[in-house]
């Protein structure tokens, strides 16, 4: 079980077991975000999907979630 310095929590914590999304952003999340912070994001994402009634097949909805994820994890 490896650890990472989590940018969201500002502490050493358990690293993610796998890259959660593809591409450079996924690599950044893998290297800088802990499992605990990622689970916090999953909860926040669920709230956003329900509150805004997002349809995830819509590219605008996916981009909105991606932007919110970056703000939540790194902002």
N, C-alpha and C. Protein backbone atom coordinates (compact mmCIF):
# COMPACT_ATOMS: atom_id res chain seq x y z
N UNK A 1 0.85 -1.17 0.00
CA UNK A 1 0.00 0.00 0.00
C UNK A 1 0.90 1.24 0.00
N UNK A 2 0.84 2.00 -1.05
CA UNK A 2 1.71 3.17 -1.17
C UNK A 2 0.98 4.42 -0.68
N UNK A 3 1.78 5.46 -0.44
CA UNK A 3 1.21 6.72 0.01
C UNK A 3 1.60 7.83 -0.95
N UNK A 4 0.90 8.94 -0.84
CA UNK A 4 1.13 10.11 -1.68
C UNK A 4 0.86 11.34 -0.81
N UNK A 5 1.56 12.44 -1.11
CA UNK A 5 1.21 13.69 -0.43
C UNK A 5 0.00 14.25 -1.17
N UNK A 6 -1.14 14.25 -0.52
CA UNK A 6 -2.40 14.65 -1.14
C UNK A 6 -2.52 16.17 -1.18
N UNK A 7 -2.69 16.72 -2.37
CA UNK A 7 -2.85 18.16 -2.54
C UNK A 7 -4.17 18.67 -1.96
N UNK A 8 -5.19 17.85 -1.95
CA UNK A 8 -6.49 18.25 -1.41
C UNK A 8 -6.45 18.29 0.12
N UNK A 9 -5.91 17.22 0.72
CA UNK A 9 -5.91 17.10 2.18
C UNK A 9 -4.68 17.69 2.83
N UNK A 10 -3.66 17.99 2.03
CA UNK A 10 -2.39 18.55 2.52
C UNK A 10 -1.73 17.65 3.57
N UNK A 11 -1.73 16.34 3.28
CA UNK A 11 -1.08 15.39 4.18
C UNK A 11 -0.76 14.10 3.41
N UNK A 12 0.12 13.29 3.98
CA UNK A 12 0.41 11.97 3.43
C UNK A 12 -0.81 11.09 3.64
N UNK A 13 -1.19 10.37 2.61
CA UNK A 13 -2.36 9.49 2.70
C UNK A 13 -2.21 8.36 1.70
N UNK A 14 -3.09 7.39 1.78
CA UNK A 14 -3.07 6.24 0.89
C UNK A 14 -3.29 6.68 -0.56
N UNK A 15 -2.41 6.20 -1.43
CA UNK A 15 -2.50 6.54 -2.85
C UNK A 15 -3.63 5.77 -3.52
N UNK A 16 -4.08 6.27 -4.65
CA UNK A 16 -5.06 5.56 -5.45
C UNK A 16 -4.44 4.27 -5.99
N UNK A 17 -5.24 3.24 -6.12
CA UNK A 17 -4.76 1.95 -6.62
C UNK A 17 -4.59 1.96 -8.14
N UNK A 18 -5.34 2.83 -8.82
CA UNK A 18 -5.28 2.91 -10.28
C UNK A 18 -5.62 4.32 -10.73
N UNK A 19 -5.25 4.65 -11.95
CA UNK A 19 -5.53 5.97 -12.52
C UNK A 19 -7.03 6.07 -12.79
N UNK A 20 -7.73 7.03 -12.18
CA UNK A 20 -9.19 7.07 -12.28
C UNK A 20 -9.75 7.53 -13.62
N UNK A 21 -9.00 8.35 -14.33
CA UNK A 21 -9.43 8.81 -15.66
C UNK A 21 -8.21 8.79 -16.58
N UNK A 22 -8.42 8.69 -17.89
CA UNK A 22 -7.28 8.65 -18.80
C UNK A 22 -6.64 10.02 -19.01
N UNK A 23 -5.44 10.02 -19.53
CA UNK A 23 -4.78 11.25 -19.95
C UNK A 23 -3.95 11.91 -18.86
N UNK A 24 -3.42 13.09 -19.20
CA UNK A 24 -2.55 13.83 -18.28
C UNK A 24 -3.23 14.20 -16.95
N UNK A 25 -4.51 14.56 -17.00
CA UNK A 25 -5.22 14.90 -15.76
C UNK A 25 -5.31 13.66 -14.87
N UNK A 26 -5.55 12.51 -15.46
CA UNK A 26 -5.61 11.27 -14.69
C UNK A 26 -4.27 10.96 -14.03
N UNK A 27 -3.18 11.21 -14.75
CA UNK A 27 -1.85 11.00 -14.19
C UNK A 27 -1.61 11.95 -13.01
N UNK A 28 -2.02 13.20 -13.17
CA UNK A 28 -1.85 14.19 -12.10
C UNK A 28 -2.64 13.76 -10.86
N UNK A 29 -3.87 13.31 -11.06
CA UNK A 29 -4.70 12.84 -9.95
C UNK A 29 -4.04 11.65 -9.28
N UNK A 30 -3.54 10.72 -10.07
CA UNK A 30 -2.88 9.52 -9.54
C UNK A 30 -1.68 9.89 -8.67
N UNK A 31 -0.93 10.90 -9.08
CA UNK A 31 0.30 11.28 -8.38
C UNK A 31 0.09 12.25 -7.22
N UNK A 32 -1.04 12.98 -7.20
CA UNK A 32 -1.19 14.06 -6.23
C UNK A 32 -2.45 13.98 -5.36
N UNK A 33 -3.30 12.99 -5.60
CA UNK A 33 -4.56 12.91 -4.86
C UNK A 33 -4.67 11.54 -4.18
N UNK A 34 -5.12 11.55 -2.94
CA UNK A 34 -5.25 10.31 -2.17
C UNK A 34 -6.59 9.62 -2.43
N UNK A 35 -6.67 8.39 -1.99
CA UNK A 35 -7.91 7.62 -2.09
C UNK A 35 -9.03 8.33 -1.33
N UNK A 36 -8.72 8.83 -0.15
CA UNK A 36 -9.72 9.53 0.67
C UNK A 36 -10.28 10.76 -0.05
N UNK A 37 -9.40 11.57 -0.64
CA UNK A 37 -9.84 12.77 -1.35
C UNK A 37 -10.64 12.39 -2.60
N UNK A 38 -10.23 11.31 -3.27
CA UNK A 38 -10.97 10.87 -4.47
C UNK A 38 -12.38 10.44 -4.08
N UNK A 39 -12.52 9.74 -2.96
CA UNK A 39 -13.85 9.34 -2.51
C UNK A 39 -14.69 10.55 -2.13
N UNK A 40 -14.06 11.58 -1.58
CA UNK A 40 -14.78 12.83 -1.29
C UNK A 40 -15.31 13.42 -2.59
N UNK A 41 -14.48 13.38 -3.66
CA UNK A 41 -14.92 13.90 -4.95
C UNK A 41 -16.09 13.10 -5.49
N UNK A 42 -16.05 11.78 -5.38
CA UNK A 42 -17.14 10.94 -5.88
C UNK A 42 -18.46 11.36 -5.21
N UNK A 43 -18.43 11.61 -3.92
CA UNK A 43 -19.63 12.09 -3.23
C UNK A 43 -20.09 13.43 -3.75
N UNK A 44 -19.16 14.35 -3.95
CA UNK A 44 -19.49 15.69 -4.48
C UNK A 44 -20.03 15.58 -5.90
N UNK A 45 -19.43 14.71 -6.69
CA UNK A 45 -19.88 14.51 -8.07
C UNK A 45 -21.33 14.03 -8.09
N UNK A 46 -21.67 13.11 -7.22
CA UNK A 46 -23.04 12.61 -7.14
C UNK A 46 -24.01 13.73 -6.81
N UNK A 47 -23.62 14.59 -5.87
CA UNK A 47 -24.46 15.75 -5.51
C UNK A 47 -24.67 16.64 -6.73
N UNK A 48 -23.59 16.94 -7.46
CA UNK A 48 -23.70 17.82 -8.64
C UNK A 48 -24.58 17.20 -9.72
N UNK A 49 -24.41 15.92 -9.97
CA UNK A 49 -25.22 15.23 -10.99
C UNK A 49 -26.69 15.33 -10.64
N UNK A 50 -27.02 15.09 -9.37
CA UNK A 50 -28.42 15.13 -8.95
C UNK A 50 -28.97 16.55 -8.91
N UNK A 51 -28.19 17.46 -8.36
CA UNK A 51 -28.65 18.84 -8.21
C UNK A 51 -28.91 19.52 -9.55
N UNK A 52 -27.99 19.31 -10.49
CA UNK A 52 -28.12 19.95 -11.81
C UNK A 52 -28.80 19.06 -12.83
N UNK A 53 -29.20 17.87 -12.41
CA UNK A 53 -29.86 16.90 -13.29
C UNK A 53 -29.06 16.68 -14.57
N UNK A 54 -27.77 16.41 -14.37
CA UNK A 54 -26.86 16.26 -15.51
C UNK A 54 -27.11 14.95 -16.24
N UNK A 55 -27.04 15.02 -17.55
CA UNK A 55 -27.11 13.83 -18.40
C UNK A 55 -25.69 13.59 -18.89
N UNK A 56 -25.08 12.50 -18.44
CA UNK A 56 -23.66 12.28 -18.68
C UNK A 56 -23.31 11.93 -20.12
N UNK A 57 -24.30 11.74 -20.97
CA UNK A 57 -24.02 11.56 -22.39
C UNK A 57 -23.82 12.90 -23.09
N UNK A 58 -24.18 13.98 -22.41
CA UNK A 58 -24.02 15.34 -22.95
C UNK A 58 -22.59 15.81 -22.72
N UNK A 59 -21.85 16.14 -23.79
CA UNK A 59 -20.47 16.61 -23.63
C UNK A 59 -20.34 17.83 -22.73
N UNK A 60 -21.33 18.73 -22.73
CA UNK A 60 -21.27 19.91 -21.87
C UNK A 60 -21.35 19.51 -20.39
N UNK A 61 -22.16 18.51 -20.08
CA UNK A 61 -22.28 18.02 -18.70
C UNK A 61 -20.97 17.38 -18.25
N UNK A 62 -20.35 16.60 -19.13
CA UNK A 62 -19.07 15.96 -18.80
C UNK A 62 -17.98 17.01 -18.59
N UNK A 63 -17.98 18.05 -19.41
CA UNK A 63 -16.98 19.11 -19.26
C UNK A 63 -17.22 19.88 -17.96
N UNK A 64 -18.48 20.13 -17.64
CA UNK A 64 -18.82 20.79 -16.38
C UNK A 64 -18.27 19.99 -15.20
N UNK A 65 -18.50 18.67 -15.21
CA UNK A 65 -18.00 17.83 -14.11
C UNK A 65 -16.48 17.82 -14.06
N UNK A 66 -15.84 17.79 -15.22
CA UNK A 66 -14.37 17.81 -15.26
C UNK A 66 -13.82 19.11 -14.66
N UNK A 67 -14.44 20.23 -15.01
CA UNK A 67 -14.03 21.53 -14.46
C UNK A 67 -14.24 21.57 -12.95
N UNK A 68 -15.40 21.08 -12.50
CA UNK A 68 -15.69 21.06 -11.07
C UNK A 68 -14.73 20.13 -10.32
N UNK A 69 -14.37 19.03 -10.94
CA UNK A 69 -13.43 18.09 -10.33
C UNK A 69 -12.07 18.76 -10.12
N UNK A 70 -11.60 19.49 -11.13
CA UNK A 70 -10.32 20.17 -11.00
C UNK A 70 -10.37 21.22 -9.90
N UNK A 71 -11.47 21.96 -9.81
CA UNK A 71 -11.63 22.96 -8.74
C UNK A 71 -11.65 22.28 -7.38
N UNK A 72 -12.39 21.20 -7.27
CA UNK A 72 -12.55 20.50 -6.00
C UNK A 72 -11.22 19.90 -5.53
N UNK A 73 -10.50 19.26 -6.42
CA UNK A 73 -9.29 18.55 -6.03
C UNK A 73 -8.07 19.46 -5.92
N UNK A 74 -7.98 20.46 -6.79
CA UNK A 74 -6.74 21.26 -6.85
C UNK A 74 -6.96 22.74 -6.56
N UNK A 75 -8.21 23.19 -6.48
CA UNK A 75 -8.48 24.61 -6.38
C UNK A 75 -8.51 25.20 -5.05
